[in-house]
Amino acid sequence: MTTHKGGCHCGRVRFEVDAAATICADDCNCSICRKSGFLHLLVSADDFRLLQGEDELSSYTFNTGIAKHYFCRHCGIKSFYIPRSHPGGVSVNVHCLDTETIESIVITPFDGQNWEQNVSKLSPTSD
């Protein structure tokens, strides 16, 4: 496992996440992921640590209200969120990771437009 660091565009929100040096990411085509360019790295809550900026975050929910989408209230970037599919985990936006610790990224397309039929195909976490 490697400790990766990342954050939002303005730097007010910073976090670290423990994951492999080769990142396995899901590229979802649902409406919110497609519009925000979110590339998912699903991890257990124990593997994610918010280092700074908790007071800089705003949240957004829709549909079932289960997923908690957090974004920096200054720059608008969604660096991570609590996914409906893995409520005991965190989905980190791979695009928000600092690149120094990433060896490579393996991207798997995910049909989030048909979420109910495909949720079982998402990458597992250790939660």
C-alpha atoms as a PDB file:
ATOM      1  CA  MET A   1       0.000   0.000   0.000  1.00  0.00           C
ATOM      2  CA  THR A   2       1.056   3.554  -0.732  1.00  0.00           C
ATOM      3  CA  THR A   3      -0.101   6.715   0.986  1.00  0.00           C
ATOM      4  CA  HIS A   4      -1.325   9.102  -1.703  1.00  0.00           C
ATOM      5  CA  LYS A   5      -2.056  12.758  -0.955  1.00  0.00           C
ATOM      6  CA  GLY A   6      -4.502  14.978  -2.739  1.00  0.00           C
ATOM      7  CA  GLY A   7      -6.958  17.806  -2.481  1.00  0.00           C
ATOM      8  CA  CYS A   8      -9.087  20.409  -4.152  1.00  0.00           C
ATOM      9  CA  HIS A   9      -7.933  23.015  -6.670  1.00  0.00           C
ATOM     10  CA  CYS A  10      -7.411  25.894  -4.223  1.00  0.00           C
ATOM     11  CA  GLY A  11      -5.654  23.690  -1.647  1.00  0.00           C
ATOM     12  CA  ARG A  12      -7.978  24.399   1.267  1.00  0.00           C
ATOM     13  CA  VAL A  13      -9.113  20.738   1.339  1.00  0.00           C
ATOM     14  CA  ARG A  14      -6.322  18.163   1.692  1.00  0.00           C
ATOM     15  CA  PHE A  15      -6.503  14.439   2.353  1.00  0.00           C
ATOM     16  CA  GLU A  16      -4.489  11.259   2.185  1.00  0.00           C
ATOM     17  CA  VAL A  17      -5.558   7.804   1.147  1.00  0.00           C
ATOM     18  CA  ASP A  18      -3.911   4.391   1.401  1.00  0.00           C
ATOM     19  CA  ALA A  19      -4.130   2.457  -1.871  1.00  0.00           C
ATOM     20  CA  ALA A  20      -1.932   0.560  -4.279  1.00  0.00           C
ATOM     21  CA  ALA A  21       0.641   2.496  -6.290  1.00  0.00           C
ATOM     22  CA  THR A  22      -1.207   1.238  -9.375  1.00  0.00           C
ATOM     23  CA  ILE A  23      -4.620   2.833  -9.003  1.00  0.00           C
ATOM     24  CA  CYS A  24      -7.674   0.822 -10.105  1.00  0.00           C
ATOM     25  CA  ALA A  25     -10.353   3.384 -10.916  1.00  0.00           C
ATOM     26  CA  ASP A  26     -13.960   3.215 -12.071  1.00  0.00           C
ATOM     27  CA  ASP A  27     -15.080   5.673 -14.765  1.00  0.00           C
ATOM     28  CA  CYS A  28     -18.813   6.127 -14.223  1.00  0.00           C
ATOM     29  CA  ASN A  29     -21.126   7.581 -16.865  1.00  0.00           C
ATOM     30  CA  CYS A  30     -23.966   8.613 -14.538  1.00  0.00           C
ATOM     31  CA  SER A  31     -25.133  12.218 -14.735  1.00  0.00           C
ATOM     32  CA  ILE A  32     -23.142  13.624 -11.807  1.00  0.00           C
ATOM     33  CA  CYS A  33     -19.891  11.754 -12.505  1.00  0.00           C
ATOM     34  CA  ARG A  34     -19.985  12.552 -16.219  1.00  0.00           C
ATOM     35  CA  LYS A  35     -20.657  16.246 -15.610  1.00  0.00           C
ATOM     36  CA  SER A  36     -18.026  16.594 -12.863  1.00  0.00           C
ATOM     37  CA  GLY A  37     -15.330  14.383 -14.452  1.00  0.00           C
ATOM     38  CA  PHE A  38     -15.124  12.189 -11.344  1.00  0.00           C
ATOM     39  CA  LEU A  39     -12.846   9.123 -11.600  1.00  0.00           C
ATOM     40  CA  HIS A  40     -13.505   6.766  -8.663  1.00  0.00           C
ATOM     41  CA  LEU A  41     -10.987   5.171  -6.333  1.00  0.00           C
ATOM     42  CA  LEU A  42     -13.128   3.294  -3.807  1.00  0.00           C
ATOM     43  CA  VAL A  43     -11.492   2.742  -0.412  1.00  0.00           C
ATOM     44  CA  SER A  44     -12.619   1.838   3.085  1.00  0.00           C
ATOM     45  CA  ALA A  45     -13.192   4.725   5.487  1.00  0.00           C
ATOM     46  CA  ASP A  46     -10.157   3.527   7.478  1.00  0.00           C
ATOM     47  CA  ASP A  47      -7.934   4.117   4.432  1.00  0.00           C
ATOM     48  CA  PHE A  48      -9.001   7.766   4.034  1.00  0.00           C
ATOM     49  CA  ARG A  49      -7.934  10.694   6.221  1.00  0.00           C
ATOM     50  CA  LEU A  50      -9.093  14.284   5.813  1.00  0.00           C
ATOM     51  CA  LEU A  51      -6.030  16.351   6.753  1.00  0.00           C
ATOM     52  CA  GLN A  52      -7.492  19.842   6.489  1.00  0.00           C
ATOM     53  CA  GLY A  53     -10.494  21.758   5.254  1.00  0.00           C
ATOM     54  CA  GLU A  54     -13.432  20.050   6.929  1.00  0.00           C
ATOM     55  CA  ASP A  55     -14.895  23.496   7.611  1.00  0.00           C
ATOM     56  CA  GLU A  56     -14.376  24.434   3.919  1.00  0.00           C
ATOM     57  CA  LEU A  57     -16.640  21.641   2.631  1.00  0.00           C
ATOM     58  CA  SER A  58     -20.233  21.895   1.491  1.00  0.00           C
ATOM     59  CA  SER A  59     -22.346  18.860   0.709  1.00  0.00           C
ATOM     60  CA  TYR A  60     -24.876  17.912  -1.923  1.00  0.00           C
ATOM     61  CA  THR A  61     -27.308  15.018  -2.056  1.00  0.00           C
ATOM     62  CA  PHE A  62     -29.910  14.019  -4.620  1.00  0.00           C
ATOM     63  CA  ASN A  63     -32.203  11.141  -5.564  1.00  0.00           C
ATOM     64  CA  THR A  64     -32.101   8.737  -2.576  1.00  0.00           C
ATOM     65  CA  GLY A  65     -30.037  11.147  -0.442  1.00  0.00           C
ATOM     66  CA  ILE A  66     -27.728   8.315   0.643  1.00  0.00           C
ATOM     67  CA  ALA A  67     -24.577   9.459  -1.182  1.00  0.00           C
ATOM     68  CA  LYS A  68     -22.910  12.488   0.419  1.00  0.00           C
ATOM     69  CA  HIS A  69     -21.111  14.563  -2.203  1.00  0.00           C
ATOM     70  CA  TYR A  70     -18.575  16.907  -0.583  1.00  0.00           C
ATOM     71  CA  PHE A  71     -17.007  19.793  -2.460  1.00  0.00           C
ATOM     72  CA  CYS A  72     -14.822  22.752  -1.570  1.00  0.00           C
ATOM     73  CA  ARG A  73     -17.061  25.771  -1.091  1.00  0.00           C
ATOM     74  CA  HIS A  74     -14.323  28.017  -2.518  1.00  0.00           C
ATOM     75  CA  CYS A  75     -13.156  26.314  -5.734  1.00  0.00           C
ATOM     76  CA  GLY A  76     -16.082  23.899  -6.221  1.00  0.00           C
ATOM     77  CA  ILE A  77     -13.975  20.756  -6.651  1.00  0.00           C
ATOM     78  CA  LYS A  78     -15.403  17.436  -5.422  1.00  0.00           C
ATOM     79  CA  SER A  79     -12.285  15.581  -4.222  1.00  0.00           C
ATOM     80  CA  PHE A  80     -14.177  12.763  -2.489  1.00  0.00           C
ATOM     81  CA  TYR A  81     -17.619  11.634  -1.380  1.00  0.00           C
ATOM     82  CA  ILE A  82     -19.416   8.904   0.548  1.00  0.00           C
ATOM     83  CA  PRO A  83     -20.966   6.683  -2.127  1.00  0.00           C
ATOM     84  CA  ARG A  84     -24.383   5.089  -2.038  1.00  0.00           C
ATOM     85  CA  SER A  85     -22.806   1.827  -3.208  1.00  0.00           C
ATOM     86  CA  HIS A  86     -20.248   1.762  -0.356  1.00  0.00           C
ATOM     87  CA  PRO A  87     -21.666   3.837   2.554  1.00  0.00           C
ATOM     88  CA  GLY A  88     -18.877   2.548   4.820  1.00  0.00           C
ATOM     89  CA  GLY A  89     -16.244   3.753   2.391  1.00  0.00           C
ATOM     90  CA  VAL A  90     -15.046   6.785   0.502  1.00  0.00           C
ATOM     91  CA  SER A  91     -14.768   7.392  -3.220  1.00  0.00           C
ATOM     92  CA  VAL A  92     -11.750   9.566  -3.988  1.00  0.00           C
ATOM     93  CA  ASN A  93     -11.499  11.467  -7.268  1.00  0.00           C
ATOM     94  CA  VAL A  94      -8.311  10.136  -8.866  1.00  0.00           C
ATOM     95  CA  HIS A  95      -8.001  13.451 -10.731  1.00  0.00           C
ATOM     96  CA  CYS A  96      -7.486  15.116  -7.324  1.00  0.00           C
ATOM     97  CA  LEU A  97      -4.527  12.946  -6.271  1.00  0.00           C
ATOM     98  CA  ASP A  98      -1.006  14.349  -6.342  1.00  0.00           C
ATOM     99  CA  THR A  99       0.803  12.403  -9.079  1.00  0.00           C
ATOM    100  CA  GLU A 100       4.140  11.713  -7.365  1.00  0.00           C
ATOM    101  CA  THR A 101       3.045   8.416  -5.777  1.00  0.00           C
ATOM    102  CA  ILE A 102       0.996   7.012  -8.680  1.00  0.00           C
ATOM    103  CA  GLU A 103       2.796   4.379 -10.754  1.00  0.00           C
ATOM    104  CA  SER A 104      -0.087   3.878 -13.187  1.00  0.00           C
ATOM    105  CA  ILE A 105      -3.872   4.006 -13.423  1.00  0.00           C
ATOM    106  CA  VAL A 106      -6.083   1.183 -14.660  1.00  0.00           C
ATOM    107  CA  ILE A 107      -9.499   2.526 -15.645  1.00  0.00           C
ATOM    108  CA  THR A 108     -12.617   0.348 -15.814  1.00  0.00           C
ATOM    109  CA  PRO A 109     -15.747   1.808 -17.435  1.00  0.00           C
ATOM    110  CA  PHE A 110     -18.860   1.602 -15.253  1.00  0.00           C
ATOM    111  CA  ASP A 111     -22.407   1.995 -16.588  1.00  0.00           C
ATOM    112  CA  GLY A 112     -23.795   4.263 -13.900  1.00  0.00           C
ATOM    113  CA  GLN A 113     -26.630   5.374 -16.169  1.00  0.00           C
ATOM    114  CA  ASN A 114     -28.036   1.922 -15.319  1.00  0.00           C
ATOM    115  CA  TRP A 115     -26.790   1.950 -11.722  1.00  0.00           C
ATOM    116  CA  GLU A 116     -29.244  -0.541 -10.207  1.00  0.00           C
ATOM    117  CA  GLN A 117     -28.366  -3.243 -12.741  1.00  0.00           C
ATOM    118  CA  ASN A 118     -24.600  -2.683 -12.487  1.00  0.00           C
ATOM    119  CA  VAL A 119     -23.745  -1.695  -8.907  1.00  0.00           C
ATOM    120  CA  SER A 120     -22.427  -5.190  -8.151  1.00  0.00           C
ATOM    121  CA  LYS A 121     -19.729  -4.643 -10.810  1.00  0.00           C
ATOM    122  CA  LEU A 122     -18.074  -1.752  -8.920  1.00  0.00           C
ATOM    123  CA  SER A 123     -14.638  -2.232  -7.434  1.00  0.00           C
ATOM    124  CA  PRO A 124     -14.839  -3.585  -3.886  1.00  0.00           C
ATOM    125  CA  THR A 125     -13.444  -1.831  -0.822  1.00  0.00           C
ATOM    126  CA  SER A 126     -12.233  -3.437   2.351  1.00  0.00           C
ATOM    127  CA  ASP A 127     -15.114  -1.893   4.334  1.00  0.00           C
END
